[in-house]
Amino acid sequence: MLEVKFYEINSIDDSLLMFAVIVSEYNGKWIFCKHKDRDTFEVPGGHREENELINDTAKRELFEETGATKFKLTPICVYSVIKDTETFGLLYYAKIEKLGILPTSEIERIELFDNIPERLTYPLIQPKLMEKVAETIHTGYQ
């Protein structure tokens, strides 16, 4: 069993935030990443590095996984995933204005979607994160 919970931004100690996940939009479409080792799509994001500010994690991951060079990043909330233990991350929304060349990484390519794709890497988590962002920014997400 897996559970996703949402918390106010400052309600969880910063040291517990292990991930930054960035629901991203470019030209009215949602950006999803295709990892080289998987045949599924995922929202940009990743692990926080040692001594890294969580906002810097979000900026770094967004660039590394999408090639975004100009964007507005908005923190949405803290989220947690509970399976055996509870792990925390910070959920962001990014309005991307400019995409550059995709850096060499584990990401094979990005794709733009009107709606959430069917083949997701984390199908029990990503739709809930997308829904939370859509509720917060009042988009036409479906």
C-alpha atoms as a PDB file:
ATOM      1  CA  MET A   1       0.000   0.000   0.000  1.00  0.00           C
ATOM      2  CA  LEU A   2       1.242   3.479  -0.888  1.00  0.00           C
ATOM      3  CA  GLU A   3      -0.095   6.811   0.335  1.00  0.00           C
ATOM      4  CA  VAL A   4       0.614  10.385  -0.804  1.00  0.00           C
ATOM      5  CA  LYS A   5       0.056  13.219   1.686  1.00  0.00           C
ATOM      6  CA  PHE A   6       0.316  17.000   1.333  1.00  0.00           C
ATOM      7  CA  TYR A   7       1.555  19.529   3.898  1.00  0.00           C
ATOM      8  CA  GLU A   8       1.976  23.290   4.116  1.00  0.00           C
ATOM      9  CA  ILE A   9       5.409  24.450   2.931  1.00  0.00           C
ATOM     10  CA  ASN A  10       6.959  25.327   6.299  1.00  0.00           C
ATOM     11  CA  SER A  11       5.240  22.599   8.312  1.00  0.00           C
ATOM     12  CA  ILE A  12       7.977  19.983   7.715  1.00  0.00           C
ATOM     13  CA  ASP A  13      11.596  20.554   8.713  1.00  0.00           C
ATOM     14  CA  ASP A  14      13.728  21.479   5.695  1.00  0.00           C
ATOM     15  CA  SER A  15      16.279  18.769   6.532  1.00  0.00           C
ATOM     16  CA  LEU A  16      13.623  16.117   5.821  1.00  0.00           C
ATOM     17  CA  LEU A  17      13.021  17.293   2.240  1.00  0.00           C
ATOM     18  CA  MET A  18      14.800  14.674   0.131  1.00  0.00           C
ATOM     19  CA  PHE A  19      13.304  15.383  -3.315  1.00  0.00           C
ATOM     20  CA  ALA A  20      12.203  18.218  -5.545  1.00  0.00           C
ATOM     21  CA  VAL A  21       9.515  17.429  -8.113  1.00  0.00           C
ATOM     22  CA  ILE A  22       8.631  20.067 -10.682  1.00  0.00           C
ATOM     23  CA  VAL A  23       5.328  19.869 -12.569  1.00  0.00           C
ATOM     24  CA  SER A  24       6.276  21.876 -15.649  1.00  0.00           C
ATOM     25  CA  GLU A  25       4.415  23.654 -18.398  1.00  0.00           C
ATOM     26  CA  TYR A  26       5.750  24.962 -21.710  1.00  0.00           C
ATOM     27  CA  ASN A  27       3.583  26.679 -24.333  1.00  0.00           C
ATOM     28  CA  GLY A  28       0.420  25.414 -22.644  1.00  0.00           C
ATOM     29  CA  LYS A  29       1.548  21.778 -22.523  1.00  0.00           C
ATOM     30  CA  TRP A  30       2.827  19.582 -19.701  1.00  0.00           C
ATOM     31  CA  ILE A  31       6.453  18.448 -19.927  1.00  0.00           C
ATOM     32  CA  PHE A  32       7.277  14.839 -19.126  1.00  0.00           C
ATOM     33  CA  CYS A  33      10.676  13.150 -19.231  1.00  0.00           C
ATOM     34  CA  LYS A  34      11.469   9.797 -20.804  1.00  0.00           C
ATOM     35  CA  HIS A  35      14.286   8.070 -18.853  1.00  0.00           C
ATOM     36  CA  LYS A  36      16.800   6.115 -20.959  1.00  0.00           C
ATOM     37  CA  ASP A  37      16.235   2.901 -18.975  1.00  0.00           C
ATOM     38  CA  ARG A  38      12.423   2.967 -18.895  1.00  0.00           C
ATOM     39  CA  ASP A  39       9.562   3.079 -21.392  1.00  0.00           C
ATOM     40  CA  THR A  40       7.470   5.332 -19.168  1.00  0.00           C
ATOM     41  CA  PHE A  41       7.194   9.069 -18.559  1.00  0.00           C
ATOM     42  CA  GLU A  42       7.850  11.043 -15.413  1.00  0.00           C
ATOM     43  CA  VAL A  43       7.606  14.555 -14.037  1.00  0.00           C
ATOM     44  CA  PRO A  44      11.004  16.298 -13.837  1.00  0.00           C
ATOM     45  CA  GLY A  45      12.621  16.056 -10.426  1.00  0.00           C
ATOM     46  CA  GLY A  46      15.118  14.241  -8.305  1.00  0.00           C
ATOM     47  CA  HIS A  47      17.143  13.827  -5.154  1.00  0.00           C
ATOM     48  CA  ARG A  48      18.564  16.661  -3.138  1.00  0.00           C
ATOM     49  CA  GLU A  49      22.352  16.641  -2.987  1.00  0.00           C
ATOM     50  CA  GLU A  50      24.291  17.049   0.259  1.00  0.00           C
ATOM     51  CA  ASN A  51      24.323  20.661   1.506  1.00  0.00           C
ATOM     52  CA  GLU A  52      22.057  21.763  -1.373  1.00  0.00           C
ATOM     53  CA  LEU A  53      19.136  24.115  -0.791  1.00  0.00           C
ATOM     54  CA  ILE A  54      15.889  22.492  -1.922  1.00  0.00           C
ATOM     55  CA  ASN A  55      15.161  25.419  -4.291  1.00  0.00           C
ATOM     56  CA  ASP A  56      18.566  24.828  -5.889  1.00  0.00           C
ATOM     57  CA  THR A  57      17.689  21.149  -6.244  1.00  0.00           C
ATOM     58  CA  ALA A  58      14.535  22.119  -8.131  1.00  0.00           C
ATOM     59  CA  LYS A  59      16.390  24.498 -10.466  1.00  0.00           C
ATOM     60  CA  ARG A  60      19.177  21.998 -11.117  1.00  0.00           C
ATOM     61  CA  GLU A  61      16.845  19.072 -11.757  1.00  0.00           C
ATOM     62  CA  LEU A  62      14.592  21.142 -14.026  1.00  0.00           C
ATOM     63  CA  PHE A  63      17.565  22.144 -16.177  1.00  0.00           C
ATOM     64  CA  GLU A  64      19.179  18.669 -16.153  1.00  0.00           C
ATOM     65  CA  GLU A  65      15.972  16.856 -17.073  1.00  0.00           C
ATOM     66  CA  THR A  66      14.343  19.319 -19.499  1.00  0.00           C
ATOM     67  CA  GLY A  67      17.005  21.753 -20.694  1.00  0.00           C
ATOM     68  CA  ALA A  68      14.908  24.658 -19.363  1.00  0.00           C
ATOM     69  CA  THR A  69      16.988  27.840 -19.360  1.00  0.00           C
ATOM     70  CA  LYS A  70      14.326  30.445 -18.554  1.00  0.00           C
ATOM     71  CA  PHE A  71      11.470  29.668 -16.189  1.00  0.00           C
ATOM     72  CA  LYS A  72       9.444  30.837 -13.219  1.00  0.00           C
ATOM     73  CA  LEU A  73       9.534  28.352 -10.357  1.00  0.00           C
ATOM     74  CA  THR A  74       6.744  28.355  -7.765  1.00  0.00           C
ATOM     75  CA  PRO A  75       6.795  26.175  -4.627  1.00  0.00           C
ATOM     76  CA  ILE A  76       3.398  24.507  -4.175  1.00  0.00           C
ATOM     77  CA  CYS A  77       3.624  22.356  -1.038  1.00  0.00           C
ATOM     78  CA  VAL A  78       5.496  19.631   0.781  1.00  0.00           C
ATOM     79  CA  TYR A  79       4.386  16.133  -0.113  1.00  0.00           C
ATOM     80  CA  SER A  80       5.204  12.752   1.328  1.00  0.00           C
ATOM     81  CA  VAL A  81       5.077   9.223   0.061  1.00  0.00           C
ATOM     82  CA  ILE A  82       4.357   6.593   2.665  1.00  0.00           C
ATOM     83  CA  LYS A  83       5.182   2.999   1.858  1.00  0.00           C
ATOM     84  CA  ASP A  84       7.276   1.348   4.547  1.00  0.00           C
ATOM     85  CA  THR A  85       8.511   4.731   5.770  1.00  0.00           C
ATOM     86  CA  GLU A  86       7.480   8.311   5.057  1.00  0.00           C
ATOM     87  CA  THR A  87       9.751  10.319   2.731  1.00  0.00           C
ATOM     88  CA  PHE A  88       9.278  14.024   2.013  1.00  0.00           C
ATOM     89  CA  GLY A  89       9.788  16.253  -0.995  1.00  0.00           C
ATOM     90  CA  LEU A  90       8.882  19.724  -2.148  1.00  0.00           C
ATOM     91  CA  LEU A  91       6.444  20.020  -5.035  1.00  0.00           C
ATOM     92  CA  TYR A  92       6.926  22.897  -7.497  1.00  0.00           C
ATOM     93  CA  TYR A  93       5.235  24.319 -10.553  1.00  0.00           C
ATOM     94  CA  ALA A  94       7.424  25.699 -13.346  1.00  0.00           C
ATOM     95  CA  LYS A  95       6.223  27.916 -16.160  1.00  0.00           C
ATOM     96  CA  ILE A  96       9.006  27.425 -18.700  1.00  0.00           C
ATOM     97  CA  GLU A  97       9.660  30.230 -21.155  1.00  0.00           C
ATOM     98  CA  LYS A  98      12.725  28.851 -22.925  1.00  0.00           C
ATOM     99  CA  LEU A  99      14.086  25.373 -23.518  1.00  0.00           C
ATOM    100  CA  GLY A 100      17.723  24.847 -24.434  1.00  0.00           C
ATOM    101  CA  ILE A 101      19.525  21.699 -25.457  1.00  0.00           C
ATOM    102  CA  LEU A 102      18.801  18.733 -23.201  1.00  0.00           C
ATOM    103  CA  PRO A 103      21.967  18.060 -21.176  1.00  0.00           C
ATOM    104  CA  THR A 104      23.554  14.619 -21.275  1.00  0.00           C
ATOM    105  CA  SER A 105      21.940  12.685 -18.416  1.00  0.00           C
ATOM    106  CA  GLU A 106      19.715   9.719 -17.688  1.00  0.00           C
ATOM    107  CA  ILE A 107      16.911  11.502 -19.587  1.00  0.00           C
ATOM    108  CA  GLU A 108      16.550  10.373 -23.197  1.00  0.00           C
ATOM    109  CA  ARG A 109      14.064  13.067 -24.247  1.00  0.00           C
ATOM    110  CA  ILE A 110      11.186  15.231 -23.131  1.00  0.00           C
ATOM    111  CA  GLU A 111       7.695  15.201 -24.588  1.00  0.00           C
ATOM    112  CA  LEU A 112       4.862  17.697 -24.379  1.00  0.00           C
ATOM    113  CA  PHE A 113       1.348  16.527 -23.479  1.00  0.00           C
ATOM    114  CA  ASP A 114      -2.086  18.138 -23.238  1.00  0.00           C
ATOM    115  CA  ASN A 115      -2.950  15.724 -20.423  1.00  0.00           C
ATOM    116  CA  ILE A 116      -1.090  13.306 -18.206  1.00  0.00           C
ATOM    117  CA  PRO A 117       0.286  10.393 -20.279  1.00  0.00           C
ATOM    118  CA  GLU A 118      -0.939   6.848 -19.701  1.00  0.00           C
ATOM    119  CA  ARG A 119       2.472   5.213 -19.228  1.00  0.00           C
ATOM    120  CA  LEU A 120       3.861   6.755 -16.041  1.00  0.00           C
ATOM    121  CA  THR A 121       6.945   5.706 -14.107  1.00  0.00           C
ATOM    122  CA  TYR A 122       5.151   6.407 -10.809  1.00  0.00           C
ATOM    123  CA  PRO A 123       1.432   5.951 -11.602  1.00  0.00           C
ATOM    124  CA  LEU A 124       0.360   5.966  -7.948  1.00  0.00           C
ATOM    125  CA  ILE A 125       2.172   9.233  -7.191  1.00  0.00           C
ATOM    126  CA  GLN A 126       2.450  11.490 -10.254  1.00  0.00           C
ATOM    127  CA  PRO A 127      -1.284  11.956 -10.975  1.00  0.00           C
ATOM    128  CA  LYS A 128      -1.797  13.134  -7.390  1.00  0.00           C
ATOM    129  CA  LEU A 129       1.070  15.625  -7.681  1.00  0.00           C
ATOM    130  CA  MET A 130      -0.290  16.902 -11.015  1.00  0.00           C
ATOM    131  CA  GLU A 131      -3.760  17.282  -9.517  1.00  0.00           C
ATOM    132  CA  LYS A 132      -2.403  19.234  -6.533  1.00  0.00           C
ATOM    133  CA  VAL A 133      -0.529  21.636  -8.819  1.00  0.00           C
ATOM    134  CA  ALA A 134      -3.554  22.034 -11.092  1.00  0.00           C
ATOM    135  CA  GLU A 135      -5.791  22.839  -8.096  1.00  0.00           C
ATOM    136  CA  THR A 136      -3.263  25.396  -6.885  1.00  0.00           C
ATOM    137  CA  ILE A 137      -2.581  27.183 -10.171  1.00  0.00           C
ATOM    138  CA  HIS A 138      -6.137  26.787 -11.560  1.00  0.00           C
ATOM    139  CA  THR A 139      -5.211  25.280 -14.905  1.00  0.00           C
ATOM    140  CA  GLY A 140      -7.194  23.182 -17.306  1.00  0.00           C
ATOM    141  CA  TYR A 141      -5.373  19.979 -16.306  1.00  0.00           C
ATOM    142  CA  GLN A 142      -7.380  16.830 -16.923  1.00  0.00           C
END
